[in-house]
Amino acid sequence: MAVQRDPRPTLYFDGACPVCAREVAMVRRQAGAEGVNWVDAARCEAAELGPGLSRNAALARLHLRRPDGSLVDGAAAFAGLWQALPRWAWLGRRLGSGAGLWWLQAGYRAFLAVRPVWRRGGTAQ
């Protein structure tokens, strides 16, 4: 018997990061957000992370499991999320490959460099 895959993408985010939690809350208010499974990696059961994703990895970077079961992280996860949202799909398509993805990844790496300060509850200078 074949395993039934969820036709929706699943986003794994760090709900203990104030910036991440705020951004996810904003995106969850967008049209089409009900078409995404939202998993707070800081608070979920380990089984909810699925195959190939540890809690530490899920807390370190944004991850998205595509409906086909493949897992992407970082900028590719953002692009995949945006593609699932009608108002943002154009941006996800534009930045989801090539030079757009390269620039998005560079921006995400910069965010990751300051994120530990925010996650601890401090403020970046």
N, C-alpha and C. Protein backbone atom coordinates (compact mmCIF):
# COMPACT_ATOMS: atom_id res chain seq x y z
N MET A 1 0.85 -1.18 0.00
CA MET A 1 0.00 0.00 0.00
C MET A 1 0.89 1.25 0.00
N ALA A 2 0.65 2.17 -0.93
CA ALA A 2 1.46 3.38 -1.06
C ALA A 2 1.08 4.40 0.02
N VAL A 3 2.07 5.16 0.44
CA VAL A 3 1.83 6.21 1.43
C VAL A 3 1.22 7.41 0.72
N GLN A 4 0.12 7.91 1.24
CA GLN A 4 -0.55 9.08 0.67
C GLN A 4 0.21 10.33 1.07
N ARG A 5 0.62 11.12 0.09
CA ARG A 5 1.33 12.39 0.36
C ARG A 5 0.31 13.51 0.49
N ASP A 6 0.60 14.45 1.38
CA ASP A 6 -0.23 15.64 1.52
C ASP A 6 0.03 16.51 0.30
N PRO A 7 -1.00 17.00 -0.36
CA PRO A 7 -0.79 17.82 -1.55
C PRO A 7 -0.31 19.25 -1.22
N ARG A 8 -0.24 19.56 0.06
CA ARG A 8 0.18 20.90 0.46
C ARG A 8 1.65 20.90 0.87
N PRO A 9 2.36 22.00 0.63
CA PRO A 9 3.71 22.10 1.16
C PRO A 9 3.65 22.28 2.68
N THR A 10 4.72 21.90 3.36
CA THR A 10 4.81 22.06 4.81
C THR A 10 6.00 22.96 5.13
N LEU A 11 5.74 24.03 5.85
CA LEU A 11 6.79 24.95 6.25
C LEU A 11 7.17 24.68 7.69
N TYR A 12 8.47 24.50 7.94
CA TYR A 12 9.01 24.30 9.29
C TYR A 12 9.73 25.57 9.68
N PHE A 13 9.29 26.19 10.76
CA PHE A 13 9.84 27.47 11.19
C PHE A 13 10.14 27.44 12.68
N ASP A 14 10.97 28.38 13.12
CA ASP A 14 11.35 28.48 14.52
C ASP A 14 10.44 29.48 15.22
N GLY A 15 9.42 28.97 15.88
CA GLY A 15 8.48 29.83 16.59
C GLY A 15 9.06 30.49 17.83
N ALA A 16 10.25 30.05 18.28
CA ALA A 16 10.90 30.67 19.43
C ALA A 16 11.71 31.90 19.03
N CYS A 17 11.87 32.13 17.75
CA CYS A 17 12.57 33.31 17.25
C CYS A 17 11.52 34.40 17.05
N PRO A 18 11.60 35.51 17.79
CA PRO A 18 10.57 36.56 17.68
C PRO A 18 10.38 37.10 16.27
N VAL A 19 11.48 37.30 15.54
CA VAL A 19 11.37 37.81 14.18
C VAL A 19 10.71 36.77 13.28
N CYS A 20 11.14 35.52 13.41
CA CYS A 20 10.57 34.44 12.60
C CYS A 20 9.07 34.28 12.89
N ALA A 21 8.71 34.28 14.16
CA ALA A 21 7.31 34.11 14.55
C ALA A 21 6.45 35.24 14.01
N ARG A 22 6.96 36.47 14.05
CA ARG A 22 6.22 37.62 13.52
C ARG A 22 6.02 37.50 12.02
N GLU A 23 7.08 37.12 11.32
CA GLU A 23 6.99 36.98 9.86
C GLU A 23 6.02 35.87 9.47
N VAL A 24 6.09 34.74 10.16
CA VAL A 24 5.18 33.63 9.86
C VAL A 24 3.75 34.05 10.15
N ALA A 25 3.51 34.75 11.24
CA ALA A 25 2.15 35.21 11.56
C ALA A 25 1.61 36.11 10.46
N MET A 26 2.47 36.98 9.91
CA MET A 26 2.05 37.86 8.82
C MET A 26 1.71 37.04 7.57
N VAL A 27 2.54 36.09 7.24
CA VAL A 27 2.31 35.29 6.04
C VAL A 27 1.07 34.42 6.21
N ARG A 28 0.82 33.93 7.41
CA ARG A 28 -0.35 33.07 7.64
C ARG A 28 -1.66 33.82 7.48
N ARG A 29 -1.62 35.15 7.47
CA ARG A 29 -2.83 35.94 7.23
C ARG A 29 -3.08 36.17 5.75
N GLN A 30 -2.17 35.74 4.89
CA GLN A 30 -2.30 35.95 3.45
C GLN A 30 -3.29 34.95 2.85
N ALA A 31 -3.91 35.37 1.77
CA ALA A 31 -4.80 34.47 1.02
C ALA A 31 -3.98 33.27 0.57
N GLY A 32 -4.54 32.09 0.73
CA GLY A 32 -3.88 30.86 0.31
C GLY A 32 -3.08 30.19 1.40
N ALA A 33 -2.92 30.84 2.55
CA ALA A 33 -2.11 30.27 3.63
C ALA A 33 -2.69 28.97 4.16
N GLU A 34 -3.98 28.79 4.00
CA GLU A 34 -4.59 27.54 4.44
C GLU A 34 -4.13 26.36 3.59
N GLY A 35 -3.50 26.65 2.46
CA GLY A 35 -2.95 25.61 1.59
C GLY A 35 -1.54 25.19 1.97
N VAL A 36 -1.08 25.65 3.13
CA VAL A 36 0.26 25.32 3.62
C VAL A 36 0.11 24.69 5.00
N ASN A 37 0.86 23.63 5.27
CA ASN A 37 0.95 23.09 6.63
C ASN A 37 2.02 23.89 7.34
N TRP A 38 1.74 24.34 8.55
CA TRP A 38 2.66 25.18 9.33
C TRP A 38 3.12 24.40 10.54
N VAL A 39 4.41 24.17 10.67
CA VAL A 39 4.94 23.40 11.80
C VAL A 39 5.98 24.24 12.53
N ASP A 40 5.68 24.53 13.79
CA ASP A 40 6.61 25.26 14.66
C ASP A 40 7.61 24.24 15.19
N ALA A 41 8.80 24.26 14.64
CA ALA A 41 9.83 23.28 14.99
C ALA A 41 10.28 23.40 16.44
N ALA A 42 10.05 24.54 17.07
CA ALA A 42 10.43 24.72 18.47
C ALA A 42 9.46 24.04 19.42
N ARG A 43 8.26 23.74 18.95
CA ARG A 43 7.23 23.23 19.85
C ARG A 43 6.56 21.93 19.41
N CYS A 44 6.87 21.44 18.22
CA CYS A 44 6.19 20.26 17.70
C CYS A 44 6.79 18.97 18.25
N GLU A 45 6.06 17.90 18.07
CA GLU A 45 6.58 16.56 18.37
C GLU A 45 7.61 16.22 17.29
N ALA A 46 8.61 15.46 17.64
CA ALA A 46 9.68 15.11 16.69
C ALA A 46 9.12 14.45 15.43
N ALA A 47 8.08 13.64 15.57
CA ALA A 47 7.51 12.95 14.41
C ALA A 47 6.94 13.91 13.38
N GLU A 48 6.53 15.10 13.82
CA GLU A 48 5.96 16.08 12.88
C GLU A 48 7.00 16.65 11.93
N LEU A 49 8.28 16.47 12.23
CA LEU A 49 9.33 16.98 11.35
C LEU A 49 9.52 16.10 10.12
N GLY A 50 9.08 14.86 10.22
CA GLY A 50 9.16 13.97 9.07
C GLY A 50 10.58 13.48 8.79
N PRO A 51 10.71 12.68 7.74
CA PRO A 51 12.01 12.08 7.43
C PRO A 51 13.03 13.11 6.94
N GLY A 52 14.26 12.92 7.38
CA GLY A 52 15.35 13.74 6.89
C GLY A 52 15.48 15.12 7.49
N LEU A 53 14.70 15.42 8.54
CA LEU A 53 14.78 16.74 9.16
C LEU A 53 14.86 16.60 10.67
N SER A 54 15.98 17.00 11.24
CA SER A 54 16.14 16.97 12.69
C SER A 54 15.63 18.29 13.28
N ARG A 55 15.35 18.28 14.55
CA ARG A 55 14.90 19.51 15.22
C ARG A 55 15.99 20.59 15.12
N ASN A 56 17.24 20.20 15.35
CA ASN A 56 18.32 21.20 15.27
C ASN A 56 18.39 21.84 13.89
N ALA A 57 18.29 21.05 12.85
CA ALA A 57 18.32 21.60 11.49
C ALA A 57 17.11 22.50 11.24
N ALA A 58 15.95 22.06 11.72
CA ALA A 58 14.73 22.84 11.51
C ALA A 58 14.77 24.18 12.26
N LEU A 59 15.46 24.21 13.39
CA LEU A 59 15.57 25.45 14.15
C LEU A 59 16.65 26.37 13.59
N ALA A 60 17.60 25.80 12.88
CA ALA A 60 18.72 26.59 12.36
C ALA A 60 18.36 27.35 11.09
N ARG A 61 17.48 26.79 10.28
CA ARG A 61 17.13 27.38 8.98
C ARG A 61 15.67 27.06 8.66
N LEU A 62 15.06 27.92 7.90
CA LEU A 62 13.71 27.67 7.41
C LEU A 62 13.74 26.47 6.46
N HIS A 63 12.78 25.57 6.58
CA HIS A 63 12.67 24.41 5.69
C HIS A 63 11.27 24.32 5.13
N LEU A 64 11.18 23.78 3.93
CA LEU A 64 9.89 23.53 3.29
C LEU A 64 9.92 22.14 2.68
N ARG A 65 8.94 21.34 3.03
CA ARG A 65 8.78 20.03 2.40
C ARG A 65 7.74 20.20 1.30
N ARG A 66 8.15 19.93 0.10
CA ARG A 66 7.26 20.04 -1.05
C ARG A 66 6.27 18.88 -1.05
N PRO A 67 5.17 19.03 -1.77
CA PRO A 67 4.19 17.93 -1.82
C PRO A 67 4.77 16.60 -2.29
N ASP A 68 5.85 16.64 -3.08
CA ASP A 68 6.46 15.38 -3.54
C ASP A 68 7.36 14.76 -2.47
N GLY A 69 7.48 15.41 -1.31
CA GLY A 69 8.28 14.89 -0.21
C GLY A 69 9.68 15.44 -0.15
N SER A 70 10.13 16.13 -1.20
CA SER A 70 11.49 16.68 -1.18
C SER A 70 11.55 17.85 -0.20
N LEU A 71 12.73 18.05 0.35
CA LEU A 71 12.93 19.06 1.39
C LEU A 71 13.93 20.10 0.88
N VAL A 72 13.56 21.37 1.00
CA VAL A 72 14.48 22.46 0.65
C VAL A 72 14.59 23.37 1.87
N ASP A 73 15.67 24.16 1.90
CA ASP A 73 15.84 25.06 3.03
C ASP A 73 16.30 26.42 2.56
N GLY A 74 16.40 27.36 3.52
CA GLY A 74 16.90 28.69 3.22
C GLY A 74 16.05 29.42 2.19
N ALA A 75 16.74 30.05 1.24
CA ALA A 75 16.06 30.86 0.23
C ALA A 75 15.10 30.03 -0.61
N ALA A 76 15.47 28.80 -0.91
CA ALA A 76 14.58 27.94 -1.71
C ALA A 76 13.28 27.67 -0.96
N ALA A 77 13.34 27.60 0.38
CA ALA A 77 12.13 27.41 1.17
C ALA A 77 11.24 28.64 1.09
N PHE A 78 11.84 29.83 1.16
CA PHE A 78 11.05 31.06 0.99
C PHE A 78 10.38 31.08 -0.37
N ALA A 79 11.15 30.81 -1.41
CA ALA A 79 10.60 30.85 -2.77
C ALA A 79 9.46 29.84 -2.92
N GLY A 80 9.63 28.65 -2.36
CA GLY A 80 8.58 27.64 -2.43
C GLY A 80 7.33 28.06 -1.67
N LEU A 81 7.52 28.69 -0.51
CA LEU A 81 6.38 29.19 0.25
C LEU A 81 5.65 30.25 -0.54
N TRP A 82 6.38 31.22 -1.06
CA TRP A 82 5.75 32.30 -1.82
C TRP A 82 4.99 31.76 -3.02
N GLN A 83 5.53 30.73 -3.67
CA GLN A 83 4.85 30.15 -4.83
C GLN A 83 3.50 29.53 -4.46
N ALA A 84 3.35 29.15 -3.21
CA ALA A 84 2.09 28.55 -2.74
C ALA A 84 1.03 29.60 -2.40
N LEU A 85 1.41 30.88 -2.37
CA LEU A 85 0.50 31.96 -1.99
C LEU A 85 0.15 32.81 -3.21
N PRO A 86 -1.13 32.93 -3.55
CA PRO A 86 -1.51 33.64 -4.78
C PRO A 86 -0.91 35.03 -4.93
N ARG A 87 -0.91 35.85 -3.89
CA ARG A 87 -0.38 37.21 -4.01
C ARG A 87 1.13 37.26 -4.15
N TRP A 88 1.81 36.21 -3.75
CA TRP A 88 3.27 36.18 -3.73
C TRP A 88 3.87 35.22 -4.75
N ALA A 89 3.03 34.49 -5.48
CA ALA A 89 3.53 33.48 -6.41
C ALA A 89 4.49 34.06 -7.44
N TRP A 90 4.20 35.26 -7.93
CA TRP A 90 5.07 35.89 -8.92
C TRP A 90 6.48 36.08 -8.36
N LEU A 91 6.58 36.47 -7.07
CA LEU A 91 7.88 36.69 -6.45
C LEU A 91 8.61 35.36 -6.27
N GLY A 92 7.88 34.35 -5.87
CA GLY A 92 8.48 33.02 -5.72
C GLY A 92 9.02 32.49 -7.03
N ARG A 93 8.30 32.73 -8.12
CA ARG A 93 8.78 32.29 -9.44
C ARG A 93 10.00 33.10 -9.86
N ARG A 94 9.98 34.38 -9.62
CA ARG A 94 11.09 35.26 -10.04
C ARG A 94 12.36 34.96 -9.26
N LEU A 95 12.22 34.75 -7.93
CA LEU A 95 13.40 34.56 -7.09
C LEU A 95 13.71 33.09 -6.81
N GLY A 96 12.96 32.18 -7.39
CA GLY A 96 13.12 30.76 -7.09
C GLY A 96 14.20 30.03 -7.84
N SER A 97 14.90 30.71 -8.72
CA SER A 97 15.98 30.04 -9.45
C SER A 97 16.97 31.08 -9.98
N GLY A 98 18.09 30.58 -10.44
CA GLY A 98 19.09 31.43 -11.07
C GLY A 98 19.61 32.54 -10.17
N ALA A 99 19.83 33.69 -10.78
CA ALA A 99 20.39 34.84 -10.05
C ALA A 99 19.47 35.30 -8.93
N GLY A 100 18.16 35.22 -9.14
CA GLY A 100 17.22 35.62 -8.09
C GLY A 100 17.40 34.80 -6.83
N LEU A 101 17.55 33.49 -6.99
CA LEU A 101 17.74 32.62 -5.84
C LEU A 101 19.10 32.90 -5.17
N TRP A 102 20.11 33.19 -5.98
CA TRP A 102 21.43 33.51 -5.44
C TRP A 102 21.35 34.75 -4.55
N TRP A 103 20.69 35.80 -5.01
CA TRP A 103 20.56 37.04 -4.22
C TRP A 103 19.70 36.82 -2.98
N LEU A 104 18.63 36.07 -3.14
CA LEU A 104 17.77 35.77 -1.99
C LEU A 104 18.56 34.98 -0.94
N GLN A 105 19.37 34.03 -1.39
CA GLN A 105 20.18 33.24 -0.45
C GLN A 105 21.20 34.13 0.25
N ALA A 106 21.80 35.08 -0.45
CA ALA A 106 22.76 36.00 0.16
C ALA A 106 22.07 36.82 1.25
N GLY A 107 20.87 37.30 0.98
CA GLY A 107 20.12 38.05 1.98
C GLY A 107 19.76 37.19 3.18
N TYR A 108 19.38 35.94 2.93
CA TYR A 108 19.02 35.03 4.01
C TYR A 108 20.24 34.73 4.89
N ARG A 109 21.40 34.55 4.27
CA ARG A 109 22.62 34.33 5.06
C ARG A 109 22.92 35.52 5.97
N ALA A 110 22.70 36.73 5.47
CA ALA A 110 22.90 37.93 6.29
C ALA A 110 21.94 37.93 7.47
N PHE A 111 20.69 37.57 7.22
CA PHE A 111 19.71 37.47 8.30
C PHE A 111 20.15 36.44 9.33
N LEU A 112 20.63 35.28 8.86
CA LEU A 112 21.04 34.23 9.79
C LEU A 112 22.20 34.68 10.68
N ALA A 113 23.02 35.59 10.18
CA ALA A 113 24.15 36.08 10.98
C ALA A 113 23.69 36.90 12.19
N VAL A 114 22.58 37.62 12.07
CA VAL A 114 22.09 38.44 13.20
C VAL A 114 20.96 37.77 13.97
N ARG A 115 20.38 36.73 13.41
CA ARG A 115 19.24 36.06 14.03
C ARG A 115 19.49 35.56 15.45
N PRO A 116 20.68 35.04 15.78
CA PRO A 116 20.88 34.57 17.17
C PRO A 116 20.63 35.64 18.22
N VAL A 117 20.95 36.87 17.91
CA VAL A 117 20.70 37.97 18.85
C VAL A 117 19.21 38.12 19.08
N TRP A 118 18.43 38.09 17.99
CA TRP A 118 16.97 38.21 18.13
C TRP A 118 16.39 37.01 18.84
N ARG A 119 16.88 35.83 18.54
CA ARG A 119 16.33 34.61 19.13
C ARG A 119 16.51 34.61 20.64
N ARG A 120 17.61 35.18 21.10
CA ARG A 120 17.84 35.28 22.55
C ARG A 120 16.95 36.33 23.21
N GLY A 121 16.27 37.12 22.38
CA GLY A 121 15.40 38.13 22.94
C GLY A 121 16.06 39.50 23.02
N GLY A 122 17.29 39.61 22.51
CA GLY A 122 17.97 40.90 22.51
C GLY A 122 17.61 41.65 21.25
N THR A 123 18.31 42.72 21.01
CA THR A 123 18.10 43.50 19.79
C THR A 123 19.42 43.66 19.09
N ALA A 124 19.38 43.63 17.78
CA ALA A 124 20.59 43.83 16.99
C ALA A 124 20.90 45.32 16.96
N GLN A 125 22.17 45.64 17.02
CA GLN A 125 22.59 47.04 16.98
C GLN A 125 22.79 47.48 15.56
